[in-house]
Amino acid sequence: MKKAFKWIGIVIGSLIGLLLAVGVVLYFMGTARLNRTYDFPPSNIVLPTDAASIEYGRHRVETLCQGCHGQDLSGVENWFDGGPLGTIDSANITTGEGGVGVDFTTEDYVRAIRHGIDGKGKPIFMVAVPSTAHLSDEDLGAIIAYIMTVPPVDHKTNGQNFTPLAKILAAAGVLGDLPVEVVSHDVHVTAPDRGVSVEYGEYLVNINDCRVCHGQELAGGPSPDPTATWISPNLTPGGELGFWAEEQFIATLRTGVTPGGHQLNENMPWQDYALFYDDELKAIWLYLQSLPRLEQATK
């Protein structure tokens, strides 16, 4: 009996040792993945200086950036709190103390917004990158030009703080792809003419986070946040939007309340999208109504 217990102890000890060894290997693999450096050709985007372009950049920042970086763009602490996975603060993108704008060049902003890397070429966990990578050179230039005019705000944020568990899961592929790993990294991007058209509506859907939460086909599905459990709704005519009129769609994004009287999920940034111009919302509506009628996705 003693000999049996001895062998059981040896087996259990060996398994524990093996698991620890695997954990250590995955930890270093995850750390290497998060610290990998990337280099992409410069965009050579020329920033506009005219008032109309700066104003357009302000409009795009209001609808695209303020939701994560705050109304004054000074960053949000604990923007993502993953518990045992760690935390992420969104960056202060002004020129104030603690802001990236102190050192960022135009190309640094392009690298972050279009490629998902910081000034040193390392990945940033900015979930909007798969969307903002679609920004045209013109729109991206206007955004950067406006950001550079924003008053400095002194606010030091703590960036990305991943736990060893998060690094192990990252190496194992449990946490999915990093933004830098999935975007096309096009050096130059163009956009359709602004206006009420299906094409421009598709562009607006692509540059915002619609596909991040509602899926590539916009049929809804699980949240991209691994700590969340909610299911995003179907935006194709096969979902509830198939029974709405254009004015009801616009009113929903303006008020956060559906035609049926339901409050939108708190994770839906309708307060940001409420700032879209009427023609932009009409274009988005046209595009959504042009999609094939799909069933609600649940996975």
C-alpha atoms as a PDB file:
ATOM      1  CA  MET A   1       0.000   0.000   0.000  1.00  0.00           C
ATOM      2  CA  LYS A   2       2.821   2.393   0.928  1.00  0.00           C
ATOM      3  CA  LYS A   3       4.503   1.644  -2.386  1.00  0.00           C
ATOM      4  CA  ALA A   4       1.227   2.445  -4.243  1.00  0.00           C
ATOM      5  CA  PHE A   5       0.898   5.777  -2.448  1.00  0.00           C
ATOM      6  CA  LYS A   6       4.516   6.506  -3.251  1.00  0.00           C
ATOM      7  CA  TRP A   7       3.925   5.943  -6.975  1.00  0.00           C
ATOM      8  CA  ILE A   8       0.727   8.004  -6.900  1.00  0.00           C
ATOM      9  CA  GLY A   9       2.697  10.817  -5.270  1.00  0.00           C
ATOM     10  CA  ILE A  10       5.401  10.545  -7.926  1.00  0.00           C
ATOM     11  CA  VAL A  11       2.826  10.659 -10.735  1.00  0.00           C
ATOM     12  CA  ILE A  12       0.992  13.639  -9.228  1.00  0.00           C
ATOM     13  CA  GLY A  13       4.256  15.445  -8.586  1.00  0.00           C
ATOM     14  CA  SER A  14       5.380  14.790 -12.140  1.00  0.00           C
ATOM     15  CA  LEU A  15       2.092  16.110 -13.539  1.00  0.00           C
ATOM     16  CA  ILE A  16       2.334  19.248 -11.418  1.00  0.00           C
ATOM     17  CA  GLY A  17       5.916  19.753 -12.535  1.00  0.00           C
ATOM     18  CA  LEU A  18       4.910  19.269 -16.171  1.00  0.00           C
ATOM     19  CA  LEU A  19       2.049  21.762 -15.859  1.00  0.00           C
ATOM     20  CA  LEU A  20       4.361  24.304 -14.244  1.00  0.00           C
ATOM     21  CA  ALA A  21       6.913  23.816 -17.017  1.00  0.00           C
ATOM     22  CA  VAL A  22       4.221  24.265 -19.687  1.00  0.00           C
ATOM     23  CA  GLY A  23       2.953  27.358 -17.858  1.00  0.00           C
ATOM     24  CA  VAL A  24       6.434  28.874 -17.769  1.00  0.00           C
ATOM     25  CA  VAL A  25       6.973  28.200 -21.473  1.00  0.00           C
ATOM     26  CA  LEU A  26       3.580  29.710 -22.367  1.00  0.00           C
ATOM     27  CA  TYR A  27       4.282  32.717 -20.147  1.00  0.00           C
ATOM     28  CA  PHE A  28       7.483  33.522 -22.005  1.00  0.00           C
ATOM     29  CA  MET A  29       5.790  32.878 -25.359  1.00  0.00           C
ATOM     30  CA  GLY A  30       2.959  35.234 -24.415  1.00  0.00           C
ATOM     31  CA  THR A  31       5.408  37.865 -23.206  1.00  0.00           C
ATOM     32  CA  ALA A  32       7.331  37.604 -26.483  1.00  0.00           C
ATOM     33  CA  ARG A  33       4.106  37.957 -28.469  1.00  0.00           C
ATOM     34  CA  LEU A  34       3.110  41.108 -26.583  1.00  0.00           C
ATOM     35  CA  ASN A  35       6.620  42.562 -26.892  1.00  0.00           C
ATOM     36  CA  ARG A  36       7.190  41.766 -30.553  1.00  0.00           C
ATOM     37  CA  THR A  37       8.127  44.826 -32.606  1.00  0.00           C
ATOM     38  CA  TYR A  38       6.667  45.632 -36.019  1.00  0.00           C
ATOM     39  CA  ASP A  39       7.736  48.036 -38.731  1.00  0.00           C
ATOM     40  CA  PHE A  40       5.548  49.289 -41.560  1.00  0.00           C
ATOM     41  CA  PRO A  41       6.250  51.694 -44.436  1.00  0.00           C
ATOM     42  CA  PRO A  42       5.458  55.340 -43.628  1.00  0.00           C
ATOM     43  CA  SER A  43       2.205  56.755 -44.920  1.00  0.00           C
ATOM     44  CA  ASN A  44       3.583  60.250 -45.535  1.00  0.00           C
ATOM     45  CA  ILE A  45       0.112  61.620 -44.817  1.00  0.00           C
ATOM     46  CA  VAL A  46       0.008  65.400 -45.159  1.00  0.00           C
ATOM     47  CA  LEU A  47      -2.017  67.054 -42.410  1.00  0.00           C
ATOM     48  CA  PRO A  48      -4.561  69.649 -43.513  1.00  0.00           C
ATOM     49  CA  THR A  49      -4.472  73.149 -42.036  1.00  0.00           C
ATOM     50  CA  ASP A  50      -7.766  74.631 -43.279  1.00  0.00           C
ATOM     51  CA  ALA A  51     -10.592  75.236 -40.825  1.00  0.00           C
ATOM     52  CA  ALA A  52     -13.084  72.965 -42.624  1.00  0.00           C
ATOM     53  CA  SER A  53     -10.764  69.953 -42.430  1.00  0.00           C
ATOM     54  CA  ILE A  54      -9.954  70.594 -38.762  1.00  0.00           C
ATOM     55  CA  GLU A  55     -13.673  70.825 -38.013  1.00  0.00           C
ATOM     56  CA  TYR A  56     -14.287  67.563 -39.857  1.00  0.00           C
ATOM     57  CA  GLY A  57     -11.463  65.993 -37.829  1.00  0.00           C
ATOM     58  CA  ARG A  58     -13.195  67.169 -34.640  1.00  0.00           C
ATOM     59  CA  HIS A  59     -16.420  65.533 -35.801  1.00  0.00           C
ATOM     60  CA  ARG A  60     -14.698  62.228 -36.522  1.00  0.00           C
ATOM     61  CA  VAL A  61     -12.889  62.327 -33.155  1.00  0.00           C
ATOM     62  CA  GLU A  62     -16.221  62.867 -31.385  1.00  0.00           C
ATOM     63  CA  THR A  63     -17.757  59.807 -33.017  1.00  0.00           C
ATOM     64  CA  LEU A  64     -14.660  57.583 -33.037  1.00  0.00           C
ATOM     65  CA  CYS A  65     -12.282  58.480 -30.216  1.00  0.00           C
ATOM     66  CA  GLN A  66     -14.009  60.146 -27.278  1.00  0.00           C
ATOM     67  CA  GLY A  67     -15.878  57.014 -26.269  1.00  0.00           C
ATOM     68  CA  CYS A  68     -12.608  55.345 -25.218  1.00  0.00           C
ATOM     69  CA  HIS A  69     -10.259  58.280 -24.577  1.00  0.00           C
ATOM     70  CA  GLY A  70     -12.717  60.568 -22.800  1.00  0.00           C
ATOM     71  CA  GLN A  71     -14.294  63.851 -23.888  1.00  0.00           C
ATOM     72  CA  ASP A  72     -11.060  65.742 -23.243  1.00  0.00           C
ATOM     73  CA  LEU A  73      -9.017  62.877 -24.804  1.00  0.00           C
ATOM     74  CA  SER A  74      -6.937  62.535 -21.619  1.00  0.00           C
ATOM     75  CA  GLY A  75      -7.546  58.787 -21.302  1.00  0.00           C
ATOM     76  CA  VAL A  76      -9.693  56.631 -19.056  1.00  0.00           C
ATOM     77  CA  GLU A  77      -8.313  54.626 -16.148  1.00  0.00           C
ATOM     78  CA  ASN A  78      -9.405  50.988 -15.986  1.00  0.00           C
ATOM     79  CA  TRP A  79     -10.989  51.329 -19.408  1.00  0.00           C
ATOM     80  CA  PHE A  80     -10.798  47.531 -19.437  1.00  0.00           C
ATOM     81  CA  ASP A  81     -10.803  45.634 -16.148  1.00  0.00           C
ATOM     82  CA  GLY A  82     -10.314  41.959 -16.852  1.00  0.00           C
ATOM     83  CA  GLY A  83      -9.946  40.894 -13.218  1.00  0.00           C
ATOM     84  CA  PRO A  84      -7.427  38.026 -13.238  1.00  0.00           C
ATOM     85  CA  LEU A  85      -6.315  39.059 -16.752  1.00  0.00           C
ATOM     86  CA  GLY A  86      -5.242  42.565 -15.756  1.00  0.00           C
ATOM     87  CA  THR A  87      -6.270  46.082 -16.718  1.00  0.00           C
ATOM     88  CA  ILE A  88      -5.900  48.509 -19.609  1.00  0.00           C
ATOM     89  CA  ASP A  89      -6.041  52.309 -19.383  1.00  0.00           C
ATOM     90  CA  SER A  90      -6.870  54.105 -22.598  1.00  0.00           C
ATOM     91  CA  ALA A  91      -4.118  56.526 -23.528  1.00  0.00           C
ATOM     92  CA  ASN A  92      -4.013  60.251 -22.917  1.00  0.00           C
ATOM     93  CA  ILE A  93      -3.608  61.429 -26.511  1.00  0.00           C
ATOM     94  CA  THR A  94      -3.167  65.126 -25.715  1.00  0.00           C
ATOM     95  CA  THR A  95       0.135  66.973 -25.344  1.00  0.00           C
ATOM     96  CA  GLY A  96      -0.302  67.303 -21.576  1.00  0.00           C
ATOM     97  CA  GLU A  97       1.921  65.595 -19.004  1.00  0.00           C
ATOM     98  CA  GLY A  98       1.445  61.852 -19.367  1.00  0.00           C
ATOM     99  CA  GLY A  99       0.022  62.251 -22.874  1.00  0.00           C
ATOM    100  CA  VAL A 100       1.404  60.512 -25.935  1.00  0.00           C
ATOM    101  CA  GLY A 101       1.031  63.763 -27.860  1.00  0.00           C
ATOM    102  CA  VAL A 102       4.147  65.074 -26.129  1.00  0.00           C
ATOM    103  CA  ASP A 103       6.334  62.837 -28.274  1.00  0.00           C
ATOM    104  CA  PHE A 104       4.063  61.478 -31.015  1.00  0.00           C
ATOM    105  CA  THR A 105       4.743  62.438 -34.612  1.00  0.00           C
ATOM    106  CA  THR A 106       2.180  62.210 -37.382  1.00  0.00           C
ATOM    107  CA  GLU A 107       3.512  58.760 -38.280  1.00  0.00           C
ATOM    108  CA  ASP A 108       3.255  57.638 -34.644  1.00  0.00           C
ATOM    109  CA  TYR A 109      -0.459  58.460 -34.703  1.00  0.00           C
ATOM    110  CA  VAL A 110      -0.789  56.602 -38.012  1.00  0.00           C
ATOM    111  CA  ARG A 111       0.988  53.551 -36.562  1.00  0.00           C
ATOM    112  CA  ALA A 112      -1.357  53.476 -33.576  1.00  0.00           C
ATOM    113  CA  ILE A 113      -4.610  54.155 -35.447  1.00  0.00           C
ATOM    114  CA  ARG A 114      -3.976  52.204 -38.662  1.00  0.00           C
ATOM    115  CA  HIS A 115      -1.546  49.482 -37.550  1.00  0.00           C
ATOM    116  CA  GLY A 116      -2.114  48.952 -33.807  1.00  0.00           C
ATOM    117  CA  ILE A 117       1.426  49.587 -32.568  1.00  0.00           C
ATOM    118  CA  ASP A 118       2.998  52.148 -30.260  1.00  0.00           C
ATOM    119  CA  GLY A 119       5.876  54.480 -30.996  1.00  0.00           C
ATOM    120  CA  LYS A 120       8.349  51.664 -30.398  1.00  0.00           C
ATOM    121  CA  GLY A 121       6.565  49.271 -32.728  1.00  0.00           C
ATOM    122  CA  LYS A 122       5.026  47.100 -29.986  1.00  0.00           C
ATOM    123  CA  PRO A 123       1.375  45.948 -30.120  1.00  0.00           C
ATOM    124  CA  ILE A 124      -1.272  48.041 -28.388  1.00  0.00           C
ATOM    125  CA  PHE A 125      -4.514  46.480 -27.268  1.00  0.00           C
ATOM    126  CA  MET A 126      -6.700  49.091 -28.960  1.00  0.00           C
ATOM    127  CA  VAL A 127      -9.755  47.135 -30.034  1.00  0.00           C
ATOM    128  CA  ALA A 128     -10.861  49.850 -32.470  1.00  0.00           C
ATOM    129  CA  VAL A 129      -7.844  49.309 -34.752  1.00  0.00           C
ATOM    130  CA  PRO A 130      -9.605  46.728 -36.998  1.00  0.00           C
ATOM    131  CA  SER A 131     -12.088  49.555 -37.667  1.00  0.00           C
ATOM    132  CA  THR A 132      -9.845  52.625 -37.720  1.00  0.00           C
ATOM    133  CA  ALA A 133      -7.449  50.849 -40.092  1.00  0.00           C
ATOM    134  CA  HIS A 134     -10.121  51.520 -42.744  1.00  0.00           C
ATOM    135  CA  LEU A 135      -9.871  55.302 -42.315  1.00  0.00           C
ATOM    136  CA  SER A 136      -8.947  57.039 -45.551  1.00  0.00           C
ATOM    137  CA  ASP A 137      -5.767  59.087 -45.728  1.00  0.00           C
ATOM    138  CA  GLU A 138      -7.916  62.226 -45.895  1.00  0.00           C
ATOM    139  CA  ASP A 139      -9.994  61.358 -42.829  1.00  0.00           C
ATOM    140  CA  LEU A 140      -7.026  60.105 -40.842  1.00  0.00           C
ATOM    141  CA  GLY A 141      -5.107  63.278 -41.643  1.00  0.00           C
ATOM    142  CA  ALA A 142      -8.029  65.423 -40.489  1.00  0.00           C
ATOM    143  CA  ILE A 143      -8.301  63.443 -37.234  1.00  0.00           C
ATOM    144  CA  ILE A 144      -4.594  63.777 -36.441  1.00  0.00           C
ATOM    145  CA  ALA A 145      -4.614  67.473 -37.372  1.00  0.00           C
ATOM    146  CA  TYR A 146      -7.504  68.077 -34.972  1.00  0.00           C
ATOM    147  CA  ILE A 147      -5.938  66.040 -32.143  1.00  0.00           C
ATOM    148  CA  MET A 148      -2.840  68.213 -32.398  1.00  0.00           C
ATOM    149  CA  THR A 149      -4.997  71.291 -31.696  1.00  0.00           C
ATOM    150  CA  VAL A 150      -6.640  69.843 -28.567  1.00  0.00           C
ATOM    151  CA  PRO A 151      -5.698  71.652 -25.329  1.00  0.00           C
ATOM    152  CA  PRO A 152      -3.144  69.694 -23.262  1.00  0.00           C
ATOM    153  CA  VAL A 153      -4.477  67.788 -20.270  1.00  0.00           C
ATOM    154  CA  ASP A 154      -2.132  66.528 -17.550  1.00  0.00           C
ATOM    155  CA  HIS A 155      -3.157  62.946 -16.792  1.00  0.00           C
ATOM    156  CA  LYS A 156      -0.816  60.002 -16.425  1.00  0.00           C
ATOM    157  CA  THR A 157      -2.381  56.660 -17.312  1.00  0.00           C
ATOM    158  CA  ASN A 158      -0.914  53.210 -16.720  1.00  0.00           C
ATOM    159  CA  GLY A 159      -1.232  51.659 -20.159  1.00  0.00           C
ATOM    160  CA  GLN A 160      -1.489  47.867 -20.469  1.00  0.00           C
ATOM    161  CA  ASN A 161      -0.974  45.763 -17.365  1.00  0.00           C
ATOM    162  CA  PHE A 162      -1.423  42.103 -18.200  1.00  0.00           C
ATOM    163  CA  THR A 163      -1.077  39.431 -15.544  1.00  0.00           C
ATOM    164  CA  PRO A 164       0.984  36.244 -16.008  1.00  0.00           C
ATOM    165  CA  LEU A 165      -2.306  34.384 -16.563  1.00  0.00           C
ATOM    166  CA  ALA A 166      -3.194  36.735 -19.438  1.00  0.00           C
ATOM    167  CA  LYS A 167       0.201  36.157 -21.030  1.00  0.00           C
ATOM    168  CA  ILE A 168      -0.203  32.390 -20.720  1.00  0.00           C
ATOM    169  CA  LEU A 169      -3.683  32.552 -22.293  1.00  0.00           C
ATOM    170  CA  ALA A 170      -2.380  34.875 -25.023  1.00  0.00           C
ATOM    171  CA  ALA A 171       0.269  32.321 -25.950  1.00  0.00           C
ATOM    172  CA  ALA A 172      -2.352  29.569 -25.958  1.00  0.00           C
ATOM    173  CA  GLY A 173      -4.549  31.593 -28.320  1.00  0.00           C
ATOM    174  CA  VAL A 174      -7.437  31.775 -25.869  1.00  0.00           C
ATOM    175  CA  LEU A 175      -7.633  35.581 -25.984  1.00  0.00           C
ATOM    176  CA  GLY A 176      -7.795  35.781 -29.768  1.00  0.00           C
ATOM    177  CA  ASP A 177      -5.723  37.921 -32.118  1.00  0.00           C
ATOM    178  CA  LEU A 178      -4.043  41.199 -31.309  1.00  0.00           C
ATOM    179  CA  PRO A 179      -5.230  44.116 -33.482  1.00  0.00           C
ATOM    180  CA  VAL A 180      -1.840  44.345 -35.222  1.00  0.00           C
ATOM    181  CA  GLU A 181      -2.203  40.696 -36.250  1.00  0.00           C
ATOM    182  CA  VAL A 182      -5.494  41.056 -38.135  1.00  0.00           C
ATOM    183  CA  VAL A 183      -5.491  44.371 -40.040  1.00  0.00           C
ATOM    184  CA  SER A 184      -4.353  44.719 -43.634  1.00  0.00           C
ATOM    185  CA  HIS A 185      -1.645  47.356 -42.937  1.00  0.00           C
ATOM    186  CA  ASP A 186      -2.390  49.171 -46.176  1.00  0.00           C
ATOM    187  CA  VAL A 187      -0.097  52.151 -46.569  1.00  0.00           C
ATOM    188  CA  HIS A 188      -2.770  54.263 -48.262  1.00  0.00           C
ATOM    189  CA  VAL A 189      -6.560  54.041 -47.993  1.00  0.00           C
ATOM    190  CA  THR A 190      -9.241  55.876 -49.972  1.00  0.00           C
ATOM    191  CA  ALA A 191     -12.935  56.432 -49.227  1.00  0.00           C
ATOM    192  CA  PRO A 192     -16.098  56.923 -51.313  1.00  0.00           C
ATOM    193  CA  ASP A 193     -17.398  60.449 -51.722  1.00  0.00           C
ATOM    194  CA  ARG A 194     -19.285  61.661 -48.677  1.00  0.00           C
ATOM    195  CA  GLY A 195     -23.028  61.518 -49.154  1.00  0.00           C
ATOM    196  CA  VAL A 196     -26.179  59.470 -48.677  1.00  0.00           C
ATOM    197  CA  SER A 197     -25.118  56.314 -50.481  1.00  0.00           C
ATOM    198  CA  VAL A 198     -24.744  52.619 -49.773  1.00  0.00           C
ATOM    199  CA  GLU A 199     -21.017  52.887 -50.463  1.00  0.00           C
ATOM    200  CA  TYR A 200     -20.428  55.695 -47.987  1.00  0.00           C
ATOM    201  CA  GLY A 201     -22.634  53.948 -45.437  1.00  0.00           C
ATOM    202  CA  GLU A 202     -20.454  50.853 -45.733  1.00  0.00           C
ATOM    203  CA  TYR A 203     -17.356  53.005 -45.204  1.00  0.00           C
ATOM    204  CA  LEU A 204     -18.834  54.517 -42.024  1.00  0.00           C
ATOM    205  CA  VAL A 205     -19.747  51.064 -40.722  1.00  0.00           C
ATOM    206  CA  ASN A 206     -16.213  49.860 -41.452  1.00  0.00           C
ATOM    207  CA  ILE A 207     -14.397  52.728 -39.703  1.00  0.00           C
ATOM    208  CA  ASN A 208     -16.531  52.513 -36.599  1.00  0.00           C
ATOM    209  CA  ASP A 209     -16.776  49.475 -34.318  1.00  0.00           C
ATOM    210  CA  CYS A 210     -19.931  47.975 -35.830  1.00  0.00           C
ATOM    211  CA  ARG A 211     -18.234  44.787 -37.040  1.00  0.00           C
ATOM    212  CA  VAL A 212     -16.166  44.447 -33.872  1.00  0.00           C
ATOM    213  CA  CYS A 213     -19.323  43.909 -31.808  1.00  0.00           C
ATOM    214  CA  HIS A 214     -21.919  42.825 -34.388  1.00  0.00           C
ATOM    215  CA  GLY A 215     -19.697  40.438 -36.358  1.00  0.00           C
ATOM    216  CA  GLN A 216     -18.154  40.636 -39.802  1.00  0.00           C
ATOM    217  CA  GLU A 217     -21.534  39.956 -41.447  1.00  0.00           C
ATOM    218  CA  LEU A 218     -23.336  42.240 -38.932  1.00  0.00           C
ATOM    219  CA  ALA A 219     -25.632  39.395 -37.888  1.00  0.00           C
ATOM    220  CA  GLY A 220     -24.698  39.864 -34.221  1.00  0.00           C
ATOM    221  CA  GLY A 221     -23.016  37.437 -31.897  1.00  0.00           C
ATOM    222  CA  PRO A 222     -21.007  37.170 -28.668  1.00  0.00           C
ATOM    223  CA  SER A 223     -19.164  40.158 -27.273  1.00  0.00           C
ATOM    224  CA  PRO A 224     -15.494  40.444 -28.290  1.00  0.00           C
ATOM    225  CA  ASP A 225     -14.761  41.030 -24.595  1.00  0.00           C
ATOM    226  CA  PRO A 226     -13.766  37.595 -23.215  1.00  0.00           C
ATOM    227  CA  THR A 227     -15.124  38.595 -19.785  1.00  0.00           C
ATOM    228  CA  ALA A 228     -18.599  39.538 -21.103  1.00  0.00           C
ATOM    229  CA  THR A 229     -21.612  37.319 -21.777  1.00  0.00           C
ATOM    230  CA  TRP A 230     -23.978  39.535 -23.790  1.00  0.00           C
ATOM    231  CA  ILE A 231     -24.975  38.853 -27.389  1.00  0.00           C
ATOM    232  CA  SER A 232     -25.023  41.753 -29.845  1.00  0.00           C
ATOM    233  CA  PRO A 233     -28.131  42.026 -32.049  1.00  0.00           C
ATOM    234  CA  ASN A 234     -28.493  41.315 -35.734  1.00  0.00           C
ATOM    235  CA  LEU A 235     -28.214  44.506 -37.850  1.00  0.00           C
ATOM    236  CA  THR A 236     -29.221  42.898 -41.148  1.00  0.00           C
ATOM    237  CA  PRO A 237     -32.837  42.975 -42.422  1.00  0.00           C
ATOM    238  CA  GLY A 238     -33.175  39.516 -40.876  1.00  0.00           C
ATOM    239  CA  GLY A 239     -33.135  41.111 -37.415  1.00  0.00           C
ATOM    240  CA  GLU A 240     -35.308  43.722 -35.726  1.00  0.00           C
ATOM    241  CA  LEU A 241     -34.065  46.435 -38.099  1.00  0.00           C
ATOM    242  CA  GLY A 242     -35.969  44.685 -40.871  1.00  0.00           C
ATOM    243  CA  PHE A 243     -39.159  46.062 -39.300  1.00  0.00           C
ATOM    244  CA  TRP A 244     -37.925  49.614 -38.718  1.00  0.00           C
ATOM    245  CA  ALA A 245     -38.197  52.711 -40.860  1.00  0.00           C
ATOM    246  CA  GLU A 246     -35.263  55.047 -41.500  1.00  0.00           C
ATOM    247  CA  GLU A 247     -36.571  57.668 -39.086  1.00  0.00           C
ATOM    248  CA  GLN A 248     -36.916  55.042 -36.347  1.00  0.00           C
ATOM    249  CA  PHE A 249     -33.311  53.938 -36.864  1.00  0.00           C
ATOM    250  CA  ILE A 250     -32.087  57.517 -36.613  1.00  0.00           C
ATOM    251  CA  ALA A 251     -34.237  58.192 -33.530  1.00  0.00           C
ATOM    252  CA  THR A 252     -32.862  55.053 -31.853  1.00  0.00           C
ATOM    253  CA  LEU A 253     -29.260  56.199 -32.291  1.00  0.00           C
ATOM    254  CA  ARG A 254     -30.169  59.712 -31.172  1.00  0.00           C
ATOM    255  CA  THR A 255     -31.981  58.613 -27.986  1.00  0.00           C
ATOM    256  CA  GLY A 256     -30.689  55.120 -27.152  1.00  0.00           C
ATOM    257  CA  VAL A 257     -34.270  53.784 -27.108  1.00  0.00           C
ATOM    258  CA  THR A 258     -35.674  51.396 -29.749  1.00  0.00           C
ATOM    259  CA  PRO A 259     -39.090  51.854 -31.406  1.00  0.00           C
ATOM    260  CA  GLY A 260     -40.362  49.175 -29.025  1.00  0.00           C
ATOM    261  CA  GLY A 261     -39.265  51.208 -26.013  1.00  0.00           C
ATOM    262  CA  HIS A 262     -36.200  49.136 -25.076  1.00  0.00           C
ATOM    263  CA  GLN A 263     -33.052  50.854 -23.835  1.00  0.00           C
ATOM    264  CA  LEU A 264     -29.982  49.896 -25.872  1.00  0.00           C
ATOM    265  CA  ASN A 265     -27.333  47.769 -24.163  1.00  0.00           C
ATOM    266  CA  GLU A 266     -25.033  49.943 -22.055  1.00  0.00           C
ATOM    267  CA  ASN A 267     -22.102  48.641 -24.124  1.00  0.00           C
ATOM    268  CA  MET A 268     -23.587  50.140 -27.291  1.00  0.00           C
ATOM    269  CA  PRO A 269     -21.915  53.558 -27.721  1.00  0.00           C
ATOM    270  CA  TRP A 270     -25.053  55.236 -29.056  1.00  0.00           C
ATOM    271  CA  GLN A 271     -24.094  58.502 -27.304  1.00  0.00           C
ATOM    272  CA  ASP A 272     -21.130  58.725 -29.688  1.00  0.00           C
ATOM    273  CA  TYR A 273     -23.115  57.666 -32.743  1.00  0.00           C
ATOM    274  CA  ALA A 274     -25.820  60.191 -31.857  1.00  0.00           C
ATOM    275  CA  LEU A 275     -23.281  62.794 -32.972  1.00  0.00           C
ATOM    276  CA  PHE A 276     -23.310  61.529 -36.569  1.00  0.00           C
ATOM    277  CA  TYR A 277     -24.673  63.976 -39.111  1.00  0.00           C
ATOM    278  CA  ASP A 278     -28.140  63.128 -40.423  1.00  0.00           C
ATOM    279  CA  ASP A 279     -26.728  62.271 -43.864  1.00  0.00           C
ATOM    280  CA  GLU A 280     -24.224  59.893 -42.262  1.00  0.00           C
ATOM    281  CA  LEU A 281     -26.966  58.026 -40.397  1.00  0.00           C
ATOM    282  CA  LYS A 282     -29.039  57.870 -43.580  1.00  0.00           C
ATOM    283  CA  ALA A 283     -26.069  56.403 -45.453  1.00  0.00           C
ATOM    284  CA  ILE A 284     -25.521  53.800 -42.713  1.00  0.00           C
ATOM    285  CA  TRP A 285     -29.222  52.923 -42.867  1.00  0.00           C
ATOM    286  CA  LEU A 286     -29.061  52.450 -46.641  1.00  0.00           C
ATOM    287  CA  TYR A 287     -26.092  50.136 -46.294  1.00  0.00           C
ATOM    288  CA  LEU A 288     -27.638  48.035 -43.526  1.00  0.00           C
ATOM    289  CA  GLN A 289     -30.842  47.655 -45.532  1.00  0.00           C
ATOM    290  CA  SER A 290     -28.810  46.501 -48.553  1.00  0.00           C
ATOM    291  CA  LEU A 291     -27.389  43.526 -46.646  1.00  0.00           C
ATOM    292  CA  PRO A 292     -28.686  39.973 -47.108  1.00  0.00           C
ATOM    293  CA  ARG A 293     -31.340  38.882 -44.630  1.00  0.00           C
ATOM    294  CA  LEU A 294     -29.402  36.795 -42.098  1.00  0.00           C
ATOM    295  CA  GLU A 295     -30.424  34.914 -38.977  1.00  0.00           C
ATOM    296  CA  GLN A 296     -29.281  36.148 -35.579  1.00  0.00           C
ATOM    297  CA  ALA A 297     -25.781  34.819 -34.890  1.00  0.00           C
ATOM    298  CA  THR A 298     -25.106  33.436 -31.424  1.00  0.00           C
ATOM    299  CA  LYS A 299     -21.495  32.259 -31.751  1.00  0.00           C
END
